[in-house]
Protein backbone atom coordinates (compact mmCIF):
# COMPACT_ATOMS: atom_id res chain seq x y z
CA UNK A 1 0.00 0.00 0.00
CA UNK A 2 1.25 3.45 -0.90
CA UNK A 3 0.11 6.80 0.53
CA UNK A 4 -1.58 8.82 -2.26
CA UNK A 5 0.94 11.31 -3.66
CA UNK A 6 -1.57 14.15 -3.77
CA UNK A 7 -2.22 13.69 -0.04
CA UNK A 8 1.40 13.04 0.94
CA UNK A 9 2.65 16.23 -0.65
CA UNK A 10 0.32 18.31 1.51
CA UNK A 11 1.60 16.77 4.76
CA UNK A 12 4.30 18.03 7.13
CA UNK A 13 6.36 15.76 9.39
CA UNK A 14 8.18 16.48 12.65
CA UNK A 15 10.04 13.47 14.04
CA UNK A 16 12.70 12.99 16.67
CA UNK A 17 13.80 10.95 19.67
CA UNK A 18 11.88 10.90 22.91
CA UNK A 19 12.20 13.96 25.20
CA UNK A 20 13.88 16.11 22.53
CA UNK A 21 11.33 18.95 22.63
CA UNK A 22 8.88 17.96 19.90
CA UNK A 23 5.71 18.88 21.82
CA UNK A 24 6.00 22.65 22.22
CA UNK A 25 7.63 23.01 18.81
CA UNK A 26 4.81 21.03 17.19
CA UNK A 27 2.21 23.34 18.73
CA UNK A 28 4.01 26.45 17.45
CA UNK A 29 4.49 24.90 14.01
CA UNK A 30 0.83 23.80 13.85
CA UNK A 31 -0.33 27.30 14.73
CA UNK A 32 1.95 28.77 12.07
CA UNK A 33 0.69 26.35 9.41
CA UNK A 34 -3.00 26.30 10.41
CA UNK A 35 -2.41 22.58 10.92
CA UNK A 36 -3.89 19.71 12.89
CA UNK A 37 -1.54 17.22 14.53
CA UNK A 38 -1.53 13.49 13.82
CA UNK A 39 0.28 11.56 16.55
CA UNK A 40 3.04 9.40 15.08
CA UNK A 41 3.43 7.29 18.22
CA UNK A 42 2.59 3.61 18.48
CA UNK A 43 1.88 3.76 22.24
CA UNK A 44 -0.31 6.88 22.45
CA UNK A 45 -2.86 4.88 20.48
CA UNK A 46 -3.79 3.10 23.72
CA UNK A 47 -6.48 4.47 26.00
CA UNK A 48 -5.35 4.73 29.61
CA UNK A 49 -1.66 4.79 28.76
CA UNK A 50 -1.24 8.52 29.27
CA UNK A 51 1.60 9.38 31.63
CA UNK A 52 4.08 6.81 30.35
CA UNK A 53 3.54 7.83 26.73
CA UNK A 54 3.77 11.59 27.43
CA UNK A 55 0.47 11.89 25.61
CA UNK A 56 -0.75 15.34 24.58
CA UNK A 57 -2.57 16.99 27.48
CA UNK A 58 -6.13 18.28 27.38
CA UNK A 59 -4.80 21.84 27.21
CA UNK A 60 -2.52 20.98 24.29
CA UNK A 61 -5.36 19.27 22.43
CA UNK A 62 -7.53 22.31 23.05
CA UNK A 63 -4.81 24.55 21.65
CA UNK A 64 -4.35 22.44 18.49
CA UNK A 65 -6.56 19.52 17.36
CA UNK A 66 -4.81 16.16 17.78
CA UNK A 67 -5.66 12.88 16.05
CA UNK A 68 -4.65 9.19 16.18
CA UNK A 69 -4.68 9.22 19.98
CA UNK A 70 -6.76 6.89 22.20
CA UNK A 71 -7.93 4.71 19.30
CA UNK A 72 -7.74 1.30 20.98
CA UNK A 73 -7.78 -0.39 24.37
CA UNK A 74 -4.56 -1.92 25.78
CA UNK A 75 -5.70 -5.47 25.01
CA UNK A 76 -6.31 -4.76 21.31
CA UNK A 77 -3.94 -5.05 18.36
CA UNK A 78 -3.12 -2.29 15.90
CA UNK A 79 -0.71 -2.95 13.05
CA UNK A 80 1.37 -0.56 11.00
CA UNK A 81 -1.12 -1.17 8.19
CA UNK A 82 -3.97 -0.17 10.53
CA UNK A 83 -2.13 3.05 11.36
CA UNK A 84 -1.49 3.71 7.68
CA UNK A 85 -5.19 3.37 6.85
CA UNK A 86 -6.33 5.52 9.78
CA UNK A 87 -3.72 8.19 8.95
CA UNK A 88 -4.75 8.42 5.31
CA UNK A 89 -8.41 8.86 6.19
CA UNK A 90 -7.55 11.45 8.84
CA UNK A 91 -5.33 13.40 6.42
CA UNK A 92 -8.08 13.58 3.83
CA UNK A 93 -10.52 14.94 6.43
CA UNK A 94 -8.02 17.59 7.59
CA UNK A 95 -7.31 18.67 4.01
CA UNK A 96 -11.06 18.86 3.30
CA UNK A 97 -11.32 21.31 6.22
CA UNK A 98 -8.75 23.51 4.51
CA UNK A 99 -6.03 22.74 7.04
CA UNK A 100 -2.62 21.06 6.95
CA UNK A 101 -1.85 17.55 8.30
CA UNK A 102 1.18 17.66 10.61
CA UNK A 103 2.57 14.28 11.72
CA UNK A 104 4.46 14.49 15.02
CA UNK A 105 6.16 11.68 16.92
CA UNK A 106 8.98 9.25 17.40
CA UNK A 107 7.78 5.99 15.87
CA UNK A 108 10.06 5.60 12.88
CA UNK A 109 8.14 2.64 11.46
CA UNK A 110 5.08 4.85 11.11
CA UNK A 111 7.05 7.58 9.37
CA UNK A 112 8.60 5.06 7.00
CA UNK A 113 5.19 3.55 6.27
CA UNK A 114 3.70 6.90 5.31
CA UNK A 115 6.69 7.83 3.15
CA UNK A 116 7.49 4.45 1.59
CA UNK A 117 4.33 2.37 1.85
CA UNK A 118 3.35 -0.70 3.87
CA UNK A 119 4.35 -4.30 3.35
CA UNK A 120 1.81 -6.76 4.77
CA UNK A 121 4.16 -9.52 5.85
CA UNK A 122 3.43 -12.75 7.73
CA UNK A 123 2.05 -12.63 11.27
CA UNK A 124 4.50 -12.34 14.13
CA UNK A 125 6.22 -15.45 15.49
CA UNK A 126 6.92 -14.09 18.99
CA UNK A 127 8.91 -17.09 20.17
CA UNK A 128 11.27 -16.91 17.20
CA UNK A 129 11.58 -13.13 17.49
CA UNK A 130 12.47 -13.37 21.17
CA UNK A 131 15.03 -16.07 20.32
CA UNK A 132 16.66 -13.67 17.84
CA UNK A 133 16.63 -10.81 20.35
CA UNK A 134 18.29 -13.06 22.93
CA UNK A 135 21.04 -13.87 20.44
CA UNK A 136 21.66 -10.15 20.02
CA UNK A 137 21.71 -9.63 23.78
CA UNK A 138 24.02 -12.53 24.58
CA UNK A 139 26.23 -12.80 21.48
CA UNK A 140 26.05 -9.29 20.05
CA UNK A 141 24.15 -7.40 17.39
CA UNK A 142 26.74 -8.23 14.74
CA UNK A 143 26.08 -11.97 15.13
CA UNK A 144 22.39 -11.45 14.42
CA UNK A 145 23.17 -9.17 11.50
CA UNK A 146 25.48 -11.81 9.97
CA UNK A 147 22.64 -14.33 10.19
CA UNK A 148 20.48 -11.97 8.17
CA UNK A 149 23.25 -11.37 5.63
CA UNK A 150 23.42 -15.12 5.04
CA UNK A 151 19.74 -15.44 4.06
CA UNK A 152 18.81 -11.93 2.92
CA UNK A 153 21.91 -9.89 1.99
CA UNK A 154 19.83 -7.10 0.42
CA UNK A 155 17.96 -6.43 3.68
CA UNK A 156 21.19 -6.77 5.66
CA UNK A 157 22.78 -4.09 3.49
CA UNK A 158 19.92 -1.69 4.28
CA UNK A 159 19.78 -2.33 8.03
CA UNK A 160 22.30 -1.21 10.63
CA UNK A 161 23.40 -4.03 13.00
CA UNK A 162 22.13 -1.97 15.96
CA UNK A 163 18.62 -1.88 14.50
CA UNK A 164 17.92 -5.18 16.25
CA UNK A 165 14.14 -4.95 15.99
CA UNK A 166 14.11 -4.69 12.21
CA UNK A 167 16.92 -7.20 11.74
CA UNK A 168 14.97 -9.68 13.88
CA UNK A 169 11.79 -8.97 11.89
CA UNK A 170 13.59 -9.59 8.58
CA UNK A 171 14.89 -12.91 9.91
CA UNK A 172 11.41 -13.72 11.16
CA UNK A 173 9.86 -13.07 7.73
CA UNK A 174 12.37 -15.46 6.16
CA UNK A 175 11.82 -18.03 8.93
CA UNK A 176 8.02 -17.99 8.55
CA UNK A 177 7.68 -17.62 4.77
CA UNK A 178 10.95 -19.02 3.41
CA UNK A 179 11.22 -15.93 1.21
CA UNK A 180 13.58 -13.00 1.93
CA UNK A 181 11.92 -9.78 3.03
CA UNK A 182 13.81 -7.87 0.34
CA UNK A 183 12.17 -9.87 -2.44
CA UNK A 184 8.69 -9.24 -1.02
CA UNK A 185 9.00 -5.55 -0.34
CA UNK A 186 10.91 -3.36 -2.77
CA UNK A 187 11.17 -0.29 -0.59
CA UNK A 188 12.71 2.72 -2.30
CA UNK A 189 13.39 6.35 -1.60
CA UNK A 190 10.71 8.60 -3.06
CA UNK A 191 11.48 10.50 -6.23
CA UNK A 192 11.72 14.30 -5.92
CA UNK A 193 8.30 14.57 -7.53
CA UNK A 194 6.72 12.18 -5.05
CA UNK A 195 8.51 13.25 -1.87
CA UNK A 196 6.83 15.70 0.52
CA UNK A 197 8.90 18.83 0.89
CA UNK A 198 8.44 19.21 4.64
CA UNK A 199 9.97 16.24 6.48
CA UNK A 200 12.07 17.21 9.51
CA UNK A 201 13.66 15.43 12.43
CA UNK A 202 15.20 16.90 15.55
CA UNK A 203 18.83 16.00 16.24
CA UNK A 204 19.64 16.95 19.85
CA UNK A 205 22.91 17.03 21.73
CA UNK A 206 23.17 13.52 23.15
CA UNK A 207 24.27 14.31 26.71
CA UNK A 208 21.61 17.00 26.99
CA UNK A 209 18.99 14.56 25.72
CA UNK A 210 20.01 11.84 28.16
CA UNK A 211 19.71 14.27 31.08
CA UNK A 212 16.23 15.23 29.87
CA UNK A 213 15.25 11.57 29.63
CA UNK A 214 16.34 10.90 33.22
CA UNK A 215 14.39 13.94 34.39
CA UNK A 216 11.31 12.95 32.43
CA UNK A 217 11.26 9.49 34.00
CA UNK A 218 11.40 11.06 37.47
CA UNK A 219 8.57 13.43 36.54
CA UNK A 220 6.40 10.60 35.20
CA UNK A 221 6.81 8.69 38.43
CA UNK A 222 5.89 11.80 40.42
CA UNK A 223 2.81 12.28 38.23
CA UNK A 224 1.52 8.80 39.08
CA UNK A 225 2.90 6.40 36.50
CA UNK A 226 2.90 3.58 39.06
CA UNK A 227 -0.82 3.98 39.70
CA UNK A 228 -1.49 4.12 35.97
CA UNK A 229 0.30 0.79 35.50
CA UNK A 230 -1.61 -0.75 38.42
CA UNK A 231 -4.92 0.27 36.87
CA UNK A 232 -3.92 -1.17 33.51
CA UNK A 233 -2.90 -4.49 35.06
CA UNK A 234 -6.17 -4.70 36.98
CA UNK A 235 -8.29 -4.08 33.89
CA UNK A 236 -9.97 -6.88 31.96
CA UNK A 237 -9.22 -8.05 29.32
CA UNK A 238 -5.53 -7.99 30.16
CA UNK A 239 -2.97 -5.89 28.33
CA UNK A 240 -1.65 -7.19 25.03
CA UNK A 241 1.95 -8.29 24.68
CA UNK A 242 2.72 -5.13 22.72
CA UNK A 243 1.22 -2.82 25.36
CA UNK A 244 3.04 -4.63 28.17
CA UNK A 245 6.36 -4.14 26.36
CA UNK A 246 5.99 -0.35 26.17
CA UNK A 247 8.75 1.66 27.84
CA UNK A 248 7.77 2.64 31.35
CA UNK A 249 5.19 -0.08 31.57
CA UNK A 250 7.36 -3.16 31.08
CA UNK A 251 9.85 -2.10 33.75
CA UNK A 252 7.20 -1.28 36.36
CA UNK A 253 5.26 -4.44 35.54
CA UNK A 254 8.45 -6.42 36.15
CA UNK A 255 8.74 -4.72 39.55
CA UNK A 256 5.11 -5.46 40.43
CA UNK A 257 5.52 -9.08 39.40
CA UNK A 258 8.65 -9.49 41.53
CA UNK A 259 11.17 -9.69 38.70
CA UNK A 260 13.27 -6.82 40.09
CA UNK A 261 13.35 -4.18 42.80
CA UNK A 262 11.74 -0.77 42.39
CA UNK A 263 15.13 0.93 42.27
CA UNK A 264 16.30 -1.48 39.59
CA UNK A 265 13.09 -0.94 37.60
CA UNK A 266 13.62 2.82 37.58
CA UNK A 267 17.27 2.40 36.65
CA UNK A 268 16.31 0.08 33.78
CA UNK A 269 13.59 2.44 32.61
CA UNK A 270 16.05 5.31 32.28
CA UNK A 271 18.65 3.07 30.65
CA UNK A 272 16.22 1.53 28.16
CA UNK A 273 14.77 4.91 27.27
CA UNK A 274 18.24 6.25 26.53
CA UNK A 275 18.92 3.22 24.34
CA UNK A 276 15.60 3.70 22.60
CA UNK A 277 16.49 7.32 21.85
CA UNK A 278 19.78 6.15 20.34
CA UNK A 279 17.90 3.69 18.08
CA UNK A 280 15.50 6.45 17.06
CA UNK A 281 18.49 8.59 16.11
CA UNK A 282 19.85 5.82 13.89
CA UNK A 283 16.45 5.21 12.32
CA UNK A 284 15.63 8.82 11.43
CA UNK A 285 19.11 9.43 10.09
CA UNK A 286 18.60 6.51 7.70
CA UNK A 287 15.47 8.03 6.16
CA UNK A 288 16.84 10.12 3.32
CA UNK A 289 13.71 12.25 3.01
CA UNK A 290 14.33 13.73 6.47
CA UNK A 291 16.08 17.06 6.99
CA UNK A 292 18.07 17.34 10.20
CA UNK A 293 17.35 20.17 12.61
CA UNK A 294 20.16 20.50 15.14
CA UNK A 295 18.92 21.03 18.70
CA UNK A 296 21.32 22.78 21.08
CA UNK A 297 20.82 22.91 24.87
CA UNK A 298 20.07 26.62 24.75
CA UNK A 299 17.46 26.33 21.98
CA UNK A 300 13.87 27.20 22.81
CA UNK A 301 10.88 26.00 20.79
CA UNK A 302 10.67 29.34 19.01
CA UNK A 303 14.32 29.00 17.96
CA UNK A 304 13.65 25.57 16.49
CA UNK A 305 10.61 26.90 14.67
CA UNK A 306 12.79 29.59 13.10
CA UNK A 307 15.29 26.93 11.99
CA UNK A 308 12.53 25.01 10.20
CA UNK A 309 11.14 28.14 8.61
CA UNK A 310 14.68 29.02 7.54
CA UNK A 311 14.84 25.73 5.61
CA UNK A 312 11.51 26.58 4.02
CA UNK A 313 12.78 29.98 2.90
CA UNK A 314 15.82 28.30 1.41
């Protein structure tokens, strides 16, 4: 499935790693563009998962209309193809209102899907995927990447060894179907005529970002993240595997189920979030359509807005 070119070219995109300052910038940019925001976040889709996903607040949604938030319950499934379909419909409605669709978030797979299209591959084999992830954890990312190179060299050439999730998925596709992912999905960079002109990602100073991540985790805990997780665990039907694996939820669930201490859970949450931000950095940098916007510690949202508008002015 491909996003219609006439719709895609009217969209704006603001991506970046977690805690890098997307929220306030997105509000300023939306106001400047007369835009409505489409959340590009796989976890803010879930109702009740608010604090841990840093979901847009009521005040922020009042300031600028937000979409693709609170679409499903934590026990339900929602694929990349489902997001693609919902996003296309939402974009058409926004355009019909005479406004601009502005995608904002940190889920690189969603950005890639909108820009490059969606491949409907075989269903997940969770046991095999976990086996591959364990190989990466115990033997190293390079070992897993070499496995992929042996069965699907084209996909291996495209994927960085540290992109463990996508390397594991490519191996999984071959394991389940017997056919390399690269032969099923010919994913290419958009031509200049097809590519939207307004695709940006925020590239922050790494040490500054890591300090912000640590602070955000502390703030989420102060705001009641633990109680939010308790409520989700008590709800019926129970959370899906995907929802339980979300950052901030997995670590606290492990604590509640006796896997680790509270202190260790918090430590792991900060550590895993920093690692996630590093993977996001690698992912966005690999998408050639994206223009980098450097984020310095002293930059305010209005400064970042001016940087984007400077690109637009050429």
